[in-house]
Amino acid sequence: MSAPRWLSPAEQRAWRTQLALHKLLMHRLDRELQEFSLTVNDYEILVNLSESPERRMRMSDLADATIQSRSRLSHQISRMEAKGLVMREDCHDDRRGTFAVLTDEGWETIQRVAPFHVAGVREHFVDRLTDDQLETIEAAYAPIVEQLKKLR
């Protein structure tokens, strides 16, 4: 086996900065969503469902969209069902399939919370960067995201 390719000091700084950014930003956004009794995961599910036709998605597609295992998503949906935000419906075309469906309460929740969440994303991330920096981040991260999606 060949010797490991250790990270250079510059690579190490970039990696650790990316890790810290992700952890700190998600922690901050999660804390802000707690005011609405939501987590970042709840919010992401509500967004995906609210943007889908008929405000519904197959559970398998929702798991892929939110980058969660099917079992983890199932537990998350159960918690959100208990809050009245979503419900499950059987898929008539495929007996094994199940839809997650946004309830009226879930729709009202996402409409009420979205302006506050977007303000937080702006305050803590978007408005701290120039347009050029945002474009650079997207250009740098998009190919990595696509490669990692293929490996799932």
C-alpha atoms as a PDB file:
ATOM      1  CA  MET A   1       0.000   0.000   0.000  1.00  0.00           C
ATOM      2  CA  SER A   2       1.335   3.435  -0.870  1.00  0.00           C
ATOM      3  CA  ALA A   3       1.979   6.107   1.734  1.00  0.00           C
ATOM      4  CA  PRO A   4      -0.978   8.373   2.501  1.00  0.00           C
ATOM      5  CA  ARG A   5      -1.150  11.714   0.723  1.00  0.00           C
ATOM      6  CA  TRP A   6      -1.377  13.964   3.766  1.00  0.00           C
ATOM      7  CA  LEU A   7      -3.046  17.307   3.360  1.00  0.00           C
ATOM      8  CA  SER A   8      -0.793  20.290   2.868  1.00  0.00           C
ATOM      9  CA  PRO A   9      -1.190  23.126   5.374  1.00  0.00           C
ATOM     10  CA  ALA A  10      -3.325  25.066   2.857  1.00  0.00           C
ATOM     11  CA  GLU A  11      -5.484  21.998   2.121  1.00  0.00           C
ATOM     12  CA  GLN A  12      -5.869  21.331   5.847  1.00  0.00           C
ATOM     13  CA  ARG A  13      -6.973  24.932   6.492  1.00  0.00           C
ATOM     14  CA  ALA A  14      -9.490  24.816   3.624  1.00  0.00           C
ATOM     15  CA  TRP A  15     -10.893  21.476   4.805  1.00  0.00           C
ATOM     16  CA  ARG A  16     -11.199  22.537   8.426  1.00  0.00           C
ATOM     17  CA  THR A  17     -12.734  25.877   7.461  1.00  0.00           C
ATOM     18  CA  GLN A  18     -15.365  24.081   5.363  1.00  0.00           C
ATOM     19  CA  LEU A  19     -16.128  21.695   8.248  1.00  0.00           C
ATOM     20  CA  ALA A  20     -16.437  24.534  10.751  1.00  0.00           C
ATOM     21  CA  LEU A  21     -18.629  26.566   8.396  1.00  0.00           C
ATOM     22  CA  HIS A  22     -21.014  23.692   7.846  1.00  0.00           C
ATOM     23  CA  LYS A  23     -21.288  22.755  11.514  1.00  0.00           C
ATOM     24  CA  LEU A  24     -21.617  26.311  12.814  1.00  0.00           C
ATOM     25  CA  LEU A  25     -24.081  27.414  10.127  1.00  0.00           C
ATOM     26  CA  MET A  26     -26.330  24.370  10.567  1.00  0.00           C
ATOM     27  CA  HIS A  27     -26.195  24.791  14.348  1.00  0.00           C
ATOM     28  CA  ARG A  28     -27.196  28.463  14.091  1.00  0.00           C
ATOM     29  CA  LEU A  29     -30.015  27.808  11.597  1.00  0.00           C
ATOM     30  CA  ASP A  30     -31.261  24.888  13.682  1.00  0.00           C
ATOM     31  CA  ARG A  31     -31.348  27.080  16.806  1.00  0.00           C
ATOM     32  CA  GLU A  32     -33.310  29.736  14.947  1.00  0.00           C
ATOM     33  CA  LEU A  33     -35.836  27.162  13.709  1.00  0.00           C
ATOM     34  CA  GLN A  34     -36.340  25.902  17.273  1.00  0.00           C
ATOM     35  CA  GLU A  35     -38.376  29.069  17.879  1.00  0.00           C
ATOM     36  CA  PHE A  36     -40.937  27.470  15.539  1.00  0.00           C
ATOM     37  CA  SER A  37     -40.560  23.963  17.033  1.00  0.00           C
ATOM     38  CA  LEU A  38     -38.773  22.810  13.880  1.00  0.00           C
ATOM     39  CA  THR A  39     -35.356  21.386  13.077  1.00  0.00           C
ATOM     40  CA  VAL A  40     -33.311  21.989   9.938  1.00  0.00           C
ATOM     41  CA  ASN A  41     -34.346  18.483   8.831  1.00  0.00           C
ATOM     42  CA  ASP A  42     -38.040  19.295   9.375  1.00  0.00           C
ATOM     43  CA  TYR A  43     -37.658  22.503   7.392  1.00  0.00           C
ATOM     44  CA  GLU A  44     -35.882  20.759   4.514  1.00  0.00           C
ATOM     45  CA  ILE A  45     -38.683  18.208   4.262  1.00  0.00           C
ATOM     46  CA  LEU A  46     -41.332  20.932   4.341  1.00  0.00           C
ATOM     47  CA  VAL A  47     -39.511  22.822   1.571  1.00  0.00           C
ATOM     48  CA  ASN A  48     -39.202  19.739  -0.635  1.00  0.00           C
ATOM     49  CA  LEU A  49     -42.870  18.866  -0.210  1.00  0.00           C
ATOM     50  CA  SER A  50     -44.029  22.460  -0.700  1.00  0.00           C
ATOM     51  CA  GLU A  51     -42.143  22.657  -4.018  1.00  0.00           C
ATOM     52  CA  SER A  52     -43.443  19.307  -5.317  1.00  0.00           C
ATOM     53  CA  PRO A  53     -46.537  18.785  -7.468  1.00  0.00           C
ATOM     54  CA  GLU A  54     -49.593  18.333  -5.264  1.00  0.00           C
ATOM     55  CA  ARG A  55     -47.239  18.918  -2.282  1.00  0.00           C
ATOM     56  CA  ARG A  56     -46.349  15.225  -2.185  1.00  0.00           C
ATOM     57  CA  MET A  57     -43.323  13.058  -2.845  1.00  0.00           C
ATOM     58  CA  ARG A  58     -42.623   9.368  -2.803  1.00  0.00           C
ATOM     59  CA  MET A  59     -40.800   8.576   0.418  1.00  0.00           C
ATOM     60  CA  SER A  60     -37.859   7.113  -1.539  1.00  0.00           C
ATOM     61  CA  ASP A  61     -37.528  10.301  -3.612  1.00  0.00           C
ATOM     62  CA  LEU A  62     -37.792  12.463  -0.497  1.00  0.00           C
ATOM     63  CA  ALA A  63     -35.048  10.418   1.169  1.00  0.00           C
ATOM     64  CA  ASP A  64     -32.826  10.986  -1.865  1.00  0.00           C
ATOM     65  CA  ALA A  65     -33.664  14.703  -2.019  1.00  0.00           C
ATOM     66  CA  THR A  66     -32.863  15.212   1.663  1.00  0.00           C
ATOM     67  CA  ILE A  67     -29.846  12.878   1.625  1.00  0.00           C
ATOM     68  CA  GLN A  68     -31.219  10.659   4.384  1.00  0.00           C
ATOM     69  CA  SER A  69     -31.545   6.913   4.715  1.00  0.00           C
ATOM     70  CA  ARG A  70     -35.057   5.625   4.179  1.00  0.00           C
ATOM     71  CA  SER A  71     -35.285   4.452   7.784  1.00  0.00           C
ATOM     72  CA  ARG A  72     -34.108   7.785   9.180  1.00  0.00           C
ATOM     73  CA  LEU A  73     -36.601   9.623   6.971  1.00  0.00           C
ATOM     74  CA  SER A  74     -39.379   7.298   8.114  1.00  0.00           C
ATOM     75  CA  HIS A  75     -38.674   8.199  11.754  1.00  0.00           C
ATOM     76  CA  GLN A  76     -38.514  11.888  10.862  1.00  0.00           C
ATOM     77  CA  ILE A  77     -41.834  11.707   9.020  1.00  0.00           C
ATOM     78  CA  SER A  78     -43.401   9.940  12.028  1.00  0.00           C
ATOM     79  CA  ARG A  79     -42.353  12.839  14.263  1.00  0.00           C
ATOM     80  CA  MET A  80     -43.682  15.350  11.761  1.00  0.00           C
ATOM     81  CA  GLU A  81     -46.961  13.431  11.434  1.00  0.00           C
ATOM     82  CA  ALA A  82     -47.401  13.694  15.198  1.00  0.00           C
ATOM     83  CA  LYS A  83     -47.086  17.491  14.834  1.00  0.00           C
ATOM     84  CA  GLY A  84     -49.683  17.507  12.025  1.00  0.00           C
ATOM     85  CA  LEU A  85     -47.214  18.813   9.424  1.00  0.00           C
ATOM     86  CA  VAL A  86     -47.247  15.843   7.050  1.00  0.00           C
ATOM     87  CA  MET A  87     -49.139  12.633   6.474  1.00  0.00           C
ATOM     88  CA  ARG A  88     -48.443   9.414   4.624  1.00  0.00           C
ATOM     89  CA  GLU A  89     -50.541   8.105   1.777  1.00  0.00           C
ATOM     90  CA  ASP A  90     -50.310   4.780   0.023  1.00  0.00           C
ATOM     91  CA  CYS A  91     -49.224   4.821  -3.585  1.00  0.00           C
ATOM     92  CA  HIS A  92     -52.027   3.284  -5.629  1.00  0.00           C
ATOM     93  CA  ASP A  93     -49.696   2.460  -8.560  1.00  0.00           C
ATOM     94  CA  ASP A  94     -47.194   0.596  -6.377  1.00  0.00           C
ATOM     95  CA  ARG A  95     -48.335  -1.160  -3.211  1.00  0.00           C
ATOM     96  CA  ARG A  96     -44.845  -0.915  -1.742  1.00  0.00           C
ATOM     97  CA  GLY A  97     -44.663   2.839  -2.334  1.00  0.00           C
ATOM     98  CA  THR A  98     -45.723   5.514   0.116  1.00  0.00           C
ATOM     99  CA  PHE A  99     -46.091   9.251  -0.336  1.00  0.00           C
ATOM    100  CA  ALA A 100     -45.244  11.929   2.187  1.00  0.00           C
ATOM    101  CA  VAL A 101     -47.868  14.657   1.818  1.00  0.00           C
ATOM    102  CA  LEU A 102     -47.764  18.184   3.182  1.00  0.00           C
ATOM    103  CA  THR A 103     -50.854  18.897   5.288  1.00  0.00           C
ATOM    104  CA  ASP A 104     -52.604  22.269   5.368  1.00  0.00           C
ATOM    105  CA  GLU A 105     -50.917  22.864   8.728  1.00  0.00           C
ATOM    106  CA  GLY A 106     -47.549  22.008   7.176  1.00  0.00           C
ATOM    107  CA  TRP A 107     -48.225  24.417   4.301  1.00  0.00           C
ATOM    108  CA  GLU A 108     -49.162  27.192   6.715  1.00  0.00           C
ATOM    109  CA  THR A 109     -46.049  26.440   8.760  1.00  0.00           C
ATOM    110  CA  ILE A 110     -43.642  26.664   5.824  1.00  0.00           C
ATOM    111  CA  GLN A 111     -45.272  29.901   4.665  1.00  0.00           C
ATOM    112  CA  ARG A 112     -44.928  31.391   8.150  1.00  0.00           C
ATOM    113  CA  VAL A 113     -41.369  30.170   8.836  1.00  0.00           C
ATOM    114  CA  ALA A 114     -39.740  30.612   5.411  1.00  0.00           C
ATOM    115  CA  PRO A 115     -39.245  34.401   5.650  1.00  0.00           C
ATOM    116  CA  PHE A 116     -37.457  34.025   8.990  1.00  0.00           C
ATOM    117  CA  HIS A 117     -35.296  31.141   7.767  1.00  0.00           C
ATOM    118  CA  VAL A 118     -34.317  32.959   4.572  1.00  0.00           C
ATOM    119  CA  ALA A 119     -33.403  36.019   6.652  1.00  0.00           C
ATOM    120  CA  GLY A 120     -31.116  33.781   8.734  1.00  0.00           C
ATOM    121  CA  VAL A 121     -29.498  32.250   5.647  1.00  0.00           C
ATOM    122  CA  ARG A 122     -28.895  35.756   4.321  1.00  0.00           C
ATOM    123  CA  GLU A 123     -27.551  37.114   7.606  1.00  0.00           C
ATOM    124  CA  HIS A 124     -25.230  34.218   8.368  1.00  0.00           C
ATOM    125  CA  PHE A 125     -24.096  33.260   4.860  1.00  0.00           C
ATOM    126  CA  VAL A 126     -25.258  34.989   1.680  1.00  0.00           C
ATOM    127  CA  ASP A 127     -24.810  38.602   2.740  1.00  0.00           C
ATOM    128  CA  ARG A 128     -21.312  37.846   4.067  1.00  0.00           C
ATOM    129  CA  LEU A 129     -20.111  37.052   0.556  1.00  0.00           C
ATOM    130  CA  THR A 130     -19.836  38.911  -2.726  1.00  0.00           C
ATOM    131  CA  ASP A 131     -21.641  37.724  -5.845  1.00  0.00           C
ATOM    132  CA  ASP A 132     -18.293  36.534  -7.220  1.00  0.00           C
ATOM    133  CA  GLN A 133     -17.585  34.548  -4.054  1.00  0.00           C
ATOM    134  CA  LEU A 134     -21.017  32.916  -4.217  1.00  0.00           C
ATOM    135  CA  GLU A 135     -20.426  31.945  -7.852  1.00  0.00           C
ATOM    136  CA  THR A 136     -16.990  30.547  -6.954  1.00  0.00           C
ATOM    137  CA  ILE A 137     -18.431  28.480  -4.108  1.00  0.00           C
ATOM    138  CA  GLU A 138     -21.136  27.056  -6.356  1.00  0.00           C
ATOM    139  CA  ALA A 139     -18.668  26.300  -9.147  1.00  0.00           C
ATOM    140  CA  ALA A 140     -16.270  24.609  -6.725  1.00  0.00           C
ATOM    141  CA  TYR A 141     -18.843  22.576  -4.786  1.00  0.00           C
ATOM    142  CA  ALA A 142     -21.275  21.514  -7.541  1.00  0.00           C
ATOM    143  CA  PRO A 143     -18.974  18.896  -9.149  1.00  0.00           C
ATOM    144  CA  ILE A 144     -18.133  17.458  -5.730  1.00  0.00           C
ATOM    145  CA  VAL A 145     -21.831  17.224  -4.830  1.00  0.00           C
ATOM    146  CA  GLU A 146     -22.603  15.487  -8.136  1.00  0.00           C
ATOM    147  CA  GLN A 147     -19.770  12.981  -7.664  1.00  0.00           C
ATOM    148  CA  LEU A 148     -20.862  12.187  -4.117  1.00  0.00           C
ATOM    149  CA  LYS A 149     -24.478  11.703  -5.250  1.00  0.00           C
ATOM    150  CA  LYS A 150     -23.299   9.064  -7.698  1.00  0.00           C
ATOM    151  CA  LEU A 151     -21.534   7.213  -4.889  1.00  0.00           C
ATOM    152  CA  ARG A 152     -24.662   6.997  -2.708  1.00  0.00           C
END
